[in-house]
Amino acid sequence: MAVHHRSRHSRQGARSISVLLCALLVVLAPMSAPAQETAAAPSLRDLPRIPWEGGADYWKQFPAADAAGWSNPAFFPIVAWYNGISSNAEAQYDKSVGINTYIGMDAATPYSLFADNGLYWIGPPLNGTFTAASRNWVGGFLDDEVDGRYSPAEGRAHLRQLSQAARAGGRFAYTNYTQSVLSKDMAPSDAEAYVNDFTDVTSVDMYWYTVPFCSSVPYRENYLIPIPQKQCRSASSYGTALQMLRQRDAADGRLQPLWQFVEDLNGGPATSPSRRTSHPGSSRGPS
């Protein structure tokens, strides 16, 4: 499964939407008023920019990530979840398809595979080859899906214990949540505390292309932004999920990078009759 990072796309995405809206206004205007001379379209550079998480400069506040090159505007993190590399050839293959960062890996993986291939690690030290001087070790991973495994009070206490240790050595703190933090079933104060109080980067996982939820009968969703069942298995659901996560993230007035998992296999569970398997067309983002 891959995490799609949104920070550097946000600014470009805002510009694209603005251009689309301008085009629609030009087409619709003659329906309600006589045709008039159309002004020249604004340059993309002149379009207003929206608040967001800071782009490449965001990583400058974390010495480990900054030293590793994450603050270079040309760098864009694409993360693989629990994918193994055991040789330089495997590392180079992953790099050739765009993967440059990992979360979760076999404990025997040597740090040299990251350093020799320009790849990055987010998590605890895998073994003794990881040291304070390991430049490609950029972030700490707190835990996975705490919101789905603990009560809110227990989950917060658990993450509070982990968050400072994750930032050791100038690294950023990251964790991943379930879609529960996007749902109105969770109290807003609990969801906002999860998203805002412990991390420098956060993400959600909800496998819209393949998860059985989208085929459930009756279909029940209770999200901050409604997702109709006929649109559930679509690329738009991933975008809507990030919109909802941004709503939670913005509650404290401090924006952080938001990532999201996109499945490369399936959303499980294996015993579900409505379980689906992803395919290359899904990864390209069907409507």
C-alpha atoms as a PDB file:
ATOM      1  CA  MET A   1       0.000   0.000   0.000  1.00  0.00           C
ATOM      2  CA  ALA A   2       1.279   3.440  -0.814  1.00  0.00           C
ATOM      3  CA  VAL A   3       0.804   6.682   1.020  1.00  0.00           C
ATOM      4  CA  HIS A   4       0.075   9.591  -1.297  1.00  0.00           C
ATOM      5  CA  HIS A   5       1.485  12.789   0.104  1.00  0.00           C
ATOM      6  CA  ARG A   6      -0.567  15.883  -0.533  1.00  0.00           C
ATOM      7  CA  SER A   7       1.486  18.852   0.553  1.00  0.00           C
ATOM      8  CA  ARG A   8       3.191  19.847  -2.668  1.00  0.00           C
ATOM      9  CA  HIS A   9       0.138  18.945  -4.756  1.00  0.00           C
ATOM     10  CA  SER A  10      -2.144  21.211  -2.757  1.00  0.00           C
ATOM     11  CA  ARG A  11      -0.942  24.419  -4.317  1.00  0.00           C
ATOM     12  CA  GLN A  12      -1.055  23.022  -7.846  1.00  0.00           C
ATOM     13  CA  GLY A  13      -4.448  21.483  -7.173  1.00  0.00           C
ATOM     14  CA  ALA A  14      -5.851  24.815  -6.056  1.00  0.00           C
ATOM     15  CA  ARG A  15      -4.605  26.473  -9.240  1.00  0.00           C
ATOM     16  CA  SER A  16      -6.135  23.784 -11.449  1.00  0.00           C
ATOM     17  CA  ILE A  17      -9.530  24.150  -9.769  1.00  0.00           C
ATOM     18  CA  SER A  18      -9.389  27.909 -10.147  1.00  0.00           C
ATOM     19  CA  VAL A  19      -8.684  27.608 -13.868  1.00  0.00           C
ATOM     20  CA  LEU A  20     -11.592  25.170 -14.270  1.00  0.00           C
ATOM     21  CA  LEU A  21     -13.978  27.533 -12.527  1.00  0.00           C
ATOM     22  CA  CYS A  22     -12.876  30.419 -14.725  1.00  0.00           C
ATOM     23  CA  ALA A  23     -13.526  28.317 -17.824  1.00  0.00           C
ATOM     24  CA  LEU A  24     -17.027  27.385 -16.619  1.00  0.00           C
ATOM     25  CA  LEU A  25     -17.881  31.006 -15.938  1.00  0.00           C
ATOM     26  CA  VAL A  26     -16.877  31.983 -19.457  1.00  0.00           C
ATOM     27  CA  VAL A  27     -19.092  29.266 -20.937  1.00  0.00           C
ATOM     28  CA  LEU A  28     -22.126  29.991 -18.761  1.00  0.00           C
ATOM     29  CA  ALA A  29     -22.067  33.794 -18.855  1.00  0.00           C
ATOM     30  CA  PRO A  30     -23.748  34.181 -22.299  1.00  0.00           C
ATOM     31  CA  MET A  31     -26.803  32.270 -21.036  1.00  0.00           C
ATOM     32  CA  SER A  32     -27.762  35.126 -18.723  1.00  0.00           C
ATOM     33  CA  ALA A  33     -26.237  38.187 -20.398  1.00  0.00           C
ATOM     34  CA  PRO A  34     -25.275  39.404 -23.883  1.00  0.00           C
ATOM     35  CA  ALA A  35     -21.884  38.279 -25.087  1.00  0.00           C
ATOM     36  CA  GLN A  36     -19.159  40.688 -24.124  1.00  0.00           C
ATOM     37  CA  GLU A  37     -15.497  40.911 -24.891  1.00  0.00           C
ATOM     38  CA  THR A  38     -13.735  38.238 -22.829  1.00  0.00           C
ATOM     39  CA  ALA A  39     -10.808  39.382 -20.715  1.00  0.00           C
ATOM     40  CA  ALA A  40      -7.524  37.562 -21.110  1.00  0.00           C
ATOM     41  CA  ALA A  41      -7.262  34.535 -18.862  1.00  0.00           C
ATOM     42  CA  PRO A  42      -5.014  35.113 -15.838  1.00  0.00           C
ATOM     43  CA  SER A  43      -1.650  33.468 -15.699  1.00  0.00           C
ATOM     44  CA  LEU A  44      -1.385  30.461 -13.406  1.00  0.00           C
ATOM     45  CA  ARG A  45       1.288  32.360 -11.509  1.00  0.00           C
ATOM     46  CA  ASP A  46      -1.198  35.129 -10.712  1.00  0.00           C
ATOM     47  CA  LEU A  47      -3.962  32.951  -9.278  1.00  0.00           C
ATOM     48  CA  PRO A  48      -4.576  33.357  -5.518  1.00  0.00           C
ATOM     49  CA  ARG A  49      -2.962  30.785  -3.281  1.00  0.00           C
ATOM     50  CA  ILE A  50      -4.712  29.002  -0.454  1.00  0.00           C
ATOM     51  CA  PRO A  51      -3.316  28.319   3.040  1.00  0.00           C
ATOM     52  CA  TRP A  52      -1.645  24.956   3.258  1.00  0.00           C
ATOM     53  CA  GLU A  53       1.014  23.046   5.127  1.00  0.00           C
ATOM     54  CA  GLY A  54       4.077  24.885   3.911  1.00  0.00           C
ATOM     55  CA  GLY A  55       5.470  22.768   1.098  1.00  0.00           C
ATOM     56  CA  ALA A  56       9.142  21.912   1.077  1.00  0.00           C
ATOM     57  CA  ASP A  57       9.917  24.599   3.660  1.00  0.00           C
ATOM     58  CA  TYR A  58       7.823  22.719   6.209  1.00  0.00           C
ATOM     59  CA  TRP A  59      10.570  20.111   6.593  1.00  0.00           C
ATOM     60  CA  LYS A  60      13.204  22.689   7.532  1.00  0.00           C
ATOM     61  CA  GLN A  61      11.975  22.639  11.134  1.00  0.00           C
ATOM     62  CA  PHE A  62      13.071  19.014  11.471  1.00  0.00           C
ATOM     63  CA  PRO A  63      16.887  18.840  11.306  1.00  0.00           C
ATOM     64  CA  ALA A  64      16.965  15.184  10.266  1.00  0.00           C
ATOM     65  CA  ALA A  65      14.529  15.631   7.374  1.00  0.00           C
ATOM     66  CA  ASP A  66      16.128  18.916   6.351  1.00  0.00           C
ATOM     67  CA  ALA A  67      19.625  17.407   6.248  1.00  0.00           C
ATOM     68  CA  ALA A  68      18.306  14.461   4.231  1.00  0.00           C
ATOM     69  CA  GLY A  69      16.992  16.774   1.504  1.00  0.00           C
ATOM     70  CA  TRP A  70      13.287  16.757   2.247  1.00  0.00           C
ATOM     71  CA  SER A  71      13.254  20.571   2.173  1.00  0.00           C
ATOM     72  CA  ASN A  72      14.402  20.513  -1.464  1.00  0.00           C
ATOM     73  CA  PRO A  73      11.400  21.639  -3.581  1.00  0.00           C
ATOM     74  CA  ALA A  74      12.265  18.911  -6.095  1.00  0.00           C
ATOM     75  CA  PHE A  75      11.625  16.169  -3.513  1.00  0.00           C
ATOM     76  CA  PHE A  76       8.215  14.560  -3.151  1.00  0.00           C
ATOM     77  CA  PRO A  77       7.776  11.678  -0.655  1.00  0.00           C
ATOM     78  CA  ILE A  78       6.045   8.559  -1.946  1.00  0.00           C
ATOM     79  CA  VAL A  79       5.861   6.003   0.833  1.00  0.00           C
ATOM     80  CA  ALA A  80       5.433   2.221   0.792  1.00  0.00           C
ATOM     81  CA  TRP A  81       3.829   0.555   3.803  1.00  0.00           C
ATOM     82  CA  TYR A  82       5.470  -2.672   4.956  1.00  0.00           C
ATOM     83  CA  ASN A  83       7.322  -3.364   1.736  1.00  0.00           C
ATOM     84  CA  GLY A  84      10.647  -5.192   1.952  1.00  0.00           C
ATOM     85  CA  ILE A  85      13.930  -4.504   0.212  1.00  0.00           C
ATOM     86  CA  SER A  86      16.769  -6.983   0.641  1.00  0.00           C
ATOM     87  CA  SER A  87      19.211  -5.896  -2.071  1.00  0.00           C
ATOM     88  CA  ASN A  88      20.334  -2.841  -3.989  1.00  0.00           C
ATOM     89  CA  ALA A  89      18.589  -4.224  -7.070  1.00  0.00           C
ATOM     90  CA  GLU A  90      15.257  -4.361  -5.228  1.00  0.00           C
ATOM     91  CA  ALA A  91      15.806  -0.885  -3.820  1.00  0.00           C
ATOM     92  CA  GLN A  92      16.566   0.504  -7.262  1.00  0.00           C
ATOM     93  CA  TYR A  93      13.475  -1.134  -8.727  1.00  0.00           C
ATOM     94  CA  ASP A  94      11.273   0.523  -6.107  1.00  0.00           C
ATOM     95  CA  LYS A  95      12.994   3.802  -6.791  1.00  0.00           C
ATOM     96  CA  SER A  96      12.408   3.419 -10.534  1.00  0.00           C
ATOM     97  CA  VAL A  97       8.635   3.339  -9.972  1.00  0.00           C
ATOM     98  CA  GLY A  98       8.741   6.384  -7.695  1.00  0.00           C
ATOM     99  CA  ILE A  99       8.935   4.918  -4.200  1.00  0.00           C
ATOM    100  CA  ASN A 100      11.478   6.734  -2.045  1.00  0.00           C
ATOM    101  CA  THR A 101      10.365   6.207   1.570  1.00  0.00           C
ATOM    102  CA  TYR A 102       9.278   3.263   3.740  1.00  0.00           C
ATOM    103  CA  ILE A 103       7.233   2.672   6.872  1.00  0.00           C
ATOM    104  CA  GLY A 104       7.411  -0.834   8.310  1.00  0.00           C
ATOM    105  CA  MET A 105      10.020  -3.357   7.229  1.00  0.00           C
ATOM    106  CA  ASP A 106      11.759  -6.565   8.278  1.00  0.00           C
ATOM    107  CA  ALA A 107      13.933  -6.002  11.352  1.00  0.00           C
ATOM    108  CA  ALA A 108      16.951  -7.469   9.563  1.00  0.00           C
ATOM    109  CA  THR A 109      16.995  -4.756   6.866  1.00  0.00           C
ATOM    110  CA  PRO A 110      20.386  -2.972   6.994  1.00  0.00           C
ATOM    111  CA  TYR A 111      20.502   0.797   7.031  1.00  0.00           C
ATOM    112  CA  SER A 112      22.976   0.696   4.128  1.00  0.00           C
ATOM    113  CA  LEU A 113      20.146  -0.139   1.718  1.00  0.00           C
ATOM    114  CA  PHE A 114      18.617   3.253   2.463  1.00  0.00           C
ATOM    115  CA  ALA A 115      21.866   5.210   2.429  1.00  0.00           C
ATOM    116  CA  ASP A 116      23.282   3.580  -0.716  1.00  0.00           C
ATOM    117  CA  ASN A 117      20.099   4.028  -2.747  1.00  0.00           C
ATOM    118  CA  GLY A 118      18.843   7.449  -1.691  1.00  0.00           C
ATOM    119  CA  LEU A 119      15.825   6.022   0.158  1.00  0.00           C
ATOM    120  CA  TYR A 120      14.327   7.078   3.502  1.00  0.00           C
ATOM    121  CA  TRP A 121      13.010   5.407   6.635  1.00  0.00           C
ATOM    122  CA  ILE A 122      10.200   6.471   8.995  1.00  0.00           C
ATOM    123  CA  GLY A 123      10.001   4.400  12.134  1.00  0.00           C
ATOM    124  CA  PRO A 124      12.074   3.070  15.022  1.00  0.00           C
ATOM    125  CA  PRO A 125      15.623   1.782  14.463  1.00  0.00           C
ATOM    126  CA  LEU A 126      15.293  -1.612  12.820  1.00  0.00           C
ATOM    127  CA  ASN A 127      18.581  -2.925  14.209  1.00  0.00           C
ATOM    128  CA  GLY A 128      22.065  -1.864  15.282  1.00  0.00           C
ATOM    129  CA  THR A 129      22.958  -0.523  11.841  1.00  0.00           C
ATOM    130  CA  PHE A 130      20.658   2.440  12.523  1.00  0.00           C
ATOM    131  CA  THR A 131      22.419   5.101  14.593  1.00  0.00           C
ATOM    132  CA  ALA A 132      21.981   8.744  15.512  1.00  0.00           C
ATOM    133  CA  ALA A 133      24.109   9.577  12.481  1.00  0.00           C
ATOM    134  CA  SER A 134      21.848   7.707  10.032  1.00  0.00           C
ATOM    135  CA  ARG A 135      21.005  10.578   7.722  1.00  0.00           C
ATOM    136  CA  ASN A 136      18.244   8.799   5.772  1.00  0.00           C
ATOM    137  CA  TRP A 137      16.289   8.028   8.947  1.00  0.00           C
ATOM    138  CA  VAL A 138      13.998  11.055   8.833  1.00  0.00           C
ATOM    139  CA  GLY A 139      10.957  10.362  10.998  1.00  0.00           C
ATOM    140  CA  GLY A 140       9.499   8.389  13.881  1.00  0.00           C
ATOM    141  CA  PHE A 141       6.344   6.285  13.585  1.00  0.00           C
ATOM    142  CA  LEU A 142       4.182   6.360  16.702  1.00  0.00           C
ATOM    143  CA  ASP A 143       1.722   3.521  16.094  1.00  0.00           C
ATOM    144  CA  ASP A 144      -0.960   2.393  13.653  1.00  0.00           C
ATOM    145  CA  GLU A 145      -4.743   2.852  13.904  1.00  0.00           C
ATOM    146  CA  VAL A 146      -4.744   3.765  17.581  1.00  0.00           C
ATOM    147  CA  ASP A 147      -8.206   5.281  17.131  1.00  0.00           C
ATOM    148  CA  GLY A 148      -9.539   1.846  16.202  1.00  0.00           C
ATOM    149  CA  ARG A 149      -7.816  -0.130  18.966  1.00  0.00           C
ATOM    150  CA  TYR A 150      -8.167   2.004  22.098  1.00  0.00           C
ATOM    151  CA  SER A 151     -10.765   4.139  23.768  1.00  0.00           C
ATOM    152  CA  PRO A 152     -10.159   7.843  23.054  1.00  0.00           C
ATOM    153  CA  ALA A 153      -8.689   8.489  26.518  1.00  0.00           C
ATOM    154  CA  GLU A 154      -6.450   5.407  26.346  1.00  0.00           C
ATOM    155  CA  GLY A 155      -5.412   6.201  22.796  1.00  0.00           C
ATOM    156  CA  ARG A 156      -4.395   9.737  23.644  1.00  0.00           C
ATOM    157  CA  ALA A 157      -2.391   8.574  26.644  1.00  0.00           C
ATOM    158  CA  HIS A 158      -0.650   5.976  24.476  1.00  0.00           C
ATOM    159  CA  LEU A 159       0.286   8.472  21.766  1.00  0.00           C
ATOM    160  CA  ARG A 160       1.401  11.052  24.321  1.00  0.00           C
ATOM    161  CA  GLN A 161       3.956   8.571  25.655  1.00  0.00           C
ATOM    162  CA  LEU A 162       5.290   7.905  22.163  1.00  0.00           C
ATOM    163  CA  SER A 163       5.304  11.329  20.539  1.00  0.00           C
ATOM    164  CA  GLN A 164       8.388  12.860  22.138  1.00  0.00           C
ATOM    165  CA  ALA A 165      10.516   9.765  21.678  1.00  0.00           C
ATOM    166  CA  ALA A 166       9.562   9.702  17.994  1.00  0.00           C
ATOM    167  CA  ARG A 167      11.054  13.183  17.564  1.00  0.00           C
ATOM    168  CA  ALA A 168      14.479  12.208  18.905  1.00  0.00           C
ATOM    169  CA  GLY A 169      17.391  13.308  16.775  1.00  0.00           C
ATOM    170  CA  GLY A 170      15.419  16.072  15.053  1.00  0.00           C
ATOM    171  CA  ARG A 171      13.002  13.701  13.339  1.00  0.00           C
ATOM    172  CA  PHE A 172       9.321  14.378  12.695  1.00  0.00           C
ATOM    173  CA  ALA A 173       6.548  12.375  14.384  1.00  0.00           C
ATOM    174  CA  TYR A 174       4.037  10.523  12.221  1.00  0.00           C
ATOM    175  CA  THR A 175       1.048   8.272  12.844  1.00  0.00           C
ATOM    176  CA  ASN A 176      -1.810   6.767  10.857  1.00  0.00           C
ATOM    177  CA  TYR A 177      -5.500   6.574  11.753  1.00  0.00           C
ATOM    178  CA  THR A 178      -8.560   4.709  10.541  1.00  0.00           C
ATOM    179  CA  GLN A 179     -11.468   6.455   8.882  1.00  0.00           C
ATOM    180  CA  SER A 180     -13.041   6.791  12.348  1.00  0.00           C
ATOM    181  CA  VAL A 181     -11.448  10.226  12.780  1.00  0.00           C
ATOM    182  CA  LEU A 182     -13.427  11.365   9.709  1.00  0.00           C
ATOM    183  CA  SER A 183     -16.758  10.114  11.002  1.00  0.00           C
ATOM    184  CA  LYS A 184     -19.392  11.937  12.985  1.00  0.00           C
ATOM    185  CA  ASP A 185     -19.659   8.766  15.073  1.00  0.00           C
ATOM    186  CA  MET A 186     -16.539   9.931  16.937  1.00  0.00           C
ATOM    187  CA  ALA A 187     -16.872  13.001  19.140  1.00  0.00           C
ATOM    188  CA  PRO A 188     -15.272  16.010  17.381  1.00  0.00           C
ATOM    189  CA  SER A 189     -13.101  16.756  20.420  1.00  0.00           C
ATOM    190  CA  ASP A 190     -11.679  13.218  20.346  1.00  0.00           C
ATOM    191  CA  ALA A 191     -11.073  13.183  16.594  1.00  0.00           C
ATOM    192  CA  GLU A 192      -9.447  16.628  16.646  1.00  0.00           C
ATOM    193  CA  ALA A 193      -7.209  15.668  19.556  1.00  0.00           C
ATOM    194  CA  TYR A 194      -6.034  12.563  17.711  1.00  0.00           C
ATOM    195  CA  VAL A 195      -5.224  14.475  14.538  1.00  0.00           C
ATOM    196  CA  ASN A 196      -3.662  17.569  16.115  1.00  0.00           C
ATOM    197  CA  ASP A 197      -2.012  16.789  19.438  1.00  0.00           C
ATOM    198  CA  PHE A 198       0.734  14.264  18.749  1.00  0.00           C
ATOM    199  CA  THR A 199       2.160  14.466  15.231  1.00  0.00           C
ATOM    200  CA  ASP A 200       3.927  16.557  12.639  1.00  0.00           C
ATOM    201  CA  VAL A 201       2.499  14.445   9.790  1.00  0.00           C
ATOM    202  CA  THR A 202      -0.644  12.330   9.870  1.00  0.00           C
ATOM    203  CA  SER A 203      -2.592  10.057   7.556  1.00  0.00           C
ATOM    204  CA  VAL A 204      -5.725   7.929   7.258  1.00  0.00           C
ATOM    205  CA  ASP A 205      -6.375   4.591   5.637  1.00  0.00           C
ATOM    206  CA  MET A 206      -9.696   3.778   4.013  1.00  0.00           C
ATOM    207  CA  TYR A 207      -9.451   1.475   1.006  1.00  0.00           C
ATOM    208  CA  TRP A 208     -12.272   2.856  -1.104  1.00  0.00           C
ATOM    209  CA  TYR A 209     -11.506   0.862  -4.253  1.00  0.00           C
ATOM    210  CA  THR A 210     -11.700  -2.522  -2.558  1.00  0.00           C
ATOM    211  CA  VAL A 211     -13.088  -2.307   0.997  1.00  0.00           C
ATOM    212  CA  PRO A 212     -16.322  -4.307   1.586  1.00  0.00           C
ATOM    213  CA  PHE A 213     -17.931  -1.224   3.179  1.00  0.00           C
ATOM    214  CA  CYS A 214     -18.745   0.265  -0.221  1.00  0.00           C
ATOM    215  CA  SER A 215     -20.877  -2.778  -1.118  1.00  0.00           C
ATOM    216  CA  SER A 216     -22.651  -3.091   2.221  1.00  0.00           C
ATOM    217  CA  VAL A 217     -26.450  -3.428   2.334  1.00  0.00           C
ATOM    218  CA  PRO A 218     -27.841  -1.401   3.914  1.00  0.00           C
ATOM    219  CA  TYR A 219     -25.211   1.233   3.206  1.00  0.00           C
ATOM    220  CA  ARG A 220     -24.549   3.542   6.124  1.00  0.00           C
ATOM    221  CA  GLU A 221     -22.073   6.373   6.111  1.00  0.00           C
ATOM    222  CA  ASN A 222     -21.828   9.156   8.661  1.00  0.00           C
ATOM    223  CA  TYR A 223     -18.858  11.190   7.458  1.00  0.00           C
ATOM    224  CA  LEU A 224     -18.156  14.902   7.804  1.00  0.00           C
ATOM    225  CA  ILE A 225     -18.698  15.113   4.037  1.00  0.00           C
ATOM    226  CA  PRO A 226     -21.258  12.638   2.652  1.00  0.00           C
ATOM    227  CA  ILE A 227     -19.998   9.911   0.298  1.00  0.00           C
ATOM    228  CA  PRO A 228     -22.935   8.422  -1.664  1.00  0.00           C
ATOM    229  CA  GLN A 229     -22.714   4.690  -2.252  1.00  0.00           C
ATOM    230  CA  LYS A 230     -22.664   5.068  -6.034  1.00  0.00           C
ATOM    231  CA  GLN A 231     -19.480   7.154  -5.684  1.00  0.00           C
ATOM    232  CA  CYS A 232     -17.895   5.128  -2.891  1.00  0.00           C
ATOM    233  CA  ARG A 233     -15.526   3.097  -5.105  1.00  0.00           C
ATOM    234  CA  SER A 234     -14.045   6.073  -6.876  1.00  0.00           C
ATOM    235  CA  ALA A 235     -10.961   8.247  -6.816  1.00  0.00           C
ATOM    236  CA  SER A 236     -13.116  11.102  -5.537  1.00  0.00           C
ATOM    237  CA  SER A 237     -13.607   9.267  -2.235  1.00  0.00           C
ATOM    238  CA  TYR A 238      -9.874   9.484  -1.513  1.00  0.00           C
ATOM    239  CA  GLY A 239      -9.979  13.223  -2.190  1.00  0.00           C
ATOM    240  CA  THR A 240     -13.047  13.655  -0.004  1.00  0.00           C
ATOM    241  CA  ALA A 241     -11.307  11.763   2.797  1.00  0.00           C
ATOM    242  CA  LEU A 242      -8.426  14.220   2.691  1.00  0.00           C
ATOM    243  CA  GLN A 243     -10.862  17.134   2.721  1.00  0.00           C
ATOM    244  CA  MET A 244     -12.366  15.710   5.885  1.00  0.00           C
ATOM    245  CA  LEU A 245      -8.969  15.098   7.447  1.00  0.00           C
ATOM    246  CA  ARG A 246      -8.056  18.719   6.672  1.00  0.00           C
ATOM    247  CA  GLN A 247     -11.181  19.854   8.519  1.00  0.00           C
ATOM    248  CA  ARG A 248     -10.007  17.973  11.602  1.00  0.00           C
ATOM    249  CA  ASP A 249      -6.430  19.184  11.155  1.00  0.00           C
ATOM    250  CA  ALA A 250      -7.425  22.845  10.817  1.00  0.00           C
ATOM    251  CA  ALA A 251      -9.263  22.881  14.144  1.00  0.00           C
ATOM    252  CA  ASP A 252      -6.173  24.038  16.044  1.00  0.00           C
ATOM    253  CA  GLY A 253      -5.075  26.577  13.420  1.00  0.00           C
ATOM    254  CA  ARG A 254      -1.873  24.657  12.642  1.00  0.00           C
ATOM    255  CA  LEU A 255      -1.675  22.774   9.350  1.00  0.00           C
ATOM    256  CA  GLN A 256       0.468  19.679   8.898  1.00  0.00           C
ATOM    257  CA  PRO A 257       1.096  17.478   5.853  1.00  0.00           C
ATOM    258  CA  LEU A 258      -1.714  14.993   5.303  1.00  0.00           C
ATOM    259  CA  TRP A 259      -1.100  11.638   3.671  1.00  0.00           C
ATOM    260  CA  GLN A 260      -3.442   8.847   2.655  1.00  0.00           C
ATOM    261  CA  PHE A 261      -3.040   5.178   1.903  1.00  0.00           C
ATOM    262  CA  VAL A 262      -4.070   3.814  -1.482  1.00  0.00           C
ATOM    263  CA  GLU A 263      -4.172   0.031  -1.583  1.00  0.00           C
ATOM    264  CA  ASP A 264      -2.156  -1.933  -4.121  1.00  0.00           C
ATOM    265  CA  LEU A 265      -3.875  -5.235  -3.247  1.00  0.00           C
ATOM    266  CA  ASN A 266      -7.127  -5.126  -1.290  1.00  0.00           C
ATOM    267  CA  GLY A 267      -8.937  -3.684   1.681  1.00  0.00           C
ATOM    268  CA  GLY A 268      -9.713  -7.046   3.317  1.00  0.00           C
ATOM    269  CA  PRO A 269     -10.834  -8.862   5.305  1.00  0.00           C
ATOM    270  CA  ALA A 270     -10.028 -12.018   3.389  1.00  0.00           C
ATOM    271  CA  THR A 271     -13.249 -13.752   4.463  1.00  0.00           C
ATOM    272  CA  SER A 272     -15.595 -11.039   3.182  1.00  0.00           C
ATOM    273  CA  PRO A 273     -17.684 -12.049   0.128  1.00  0.00           C
ATOM    274  CA  SER A 274     -17.548  -8.440  -1.133  1.00  0.00           C
ATOM    275  CA  ARG A 275     -13.775  -8.160  -0.868  1.00  0.00           C
ATOM    276  CA  ARG A 276     -12.150  -6.929  -4.073  1.00  0.00           C
ATOM    277  CA  THR A 277      -8.637  -6.861  -5.439  1.00  0.00           C
ATOM    278  CA  SER A 278      -7.099  -3.700  -6.819  1.00  0.00           C
ATOM    279  CA  HIS A 279      -5.738  -3.515 -10.355  1.00  0.00           C
ATOM    280  CA  PRO A 280      -3.522  -1.094 -12.339  1.00  0.00           C
ATOM    281  CA  GLY A 281      -6.518   0.896 -13.545  1.00  0.00           C
ATOM    282  CA  SER A 282      -7.539   1.563  -9.949  1.00  0.00           C
ATOM    283  CA  SER A 283      -4.137   2.967  -9.075  1.00  0.00           C
ATOM    284  CA  ARG A 284      -4.380   5.399 -11.988  1.00  0.00           C
ATOM    285  CA  GLY A 285      -7.467   6.907 -10.403  1.00  0.00           C
ATOM    286  CA  PRO A 286     -10.726   6.059 -12.189  1.00  0.00           C
ATOM    287  CA  SER A 287     -13.624   8.462 -11.769  1.00  0.00           C
END
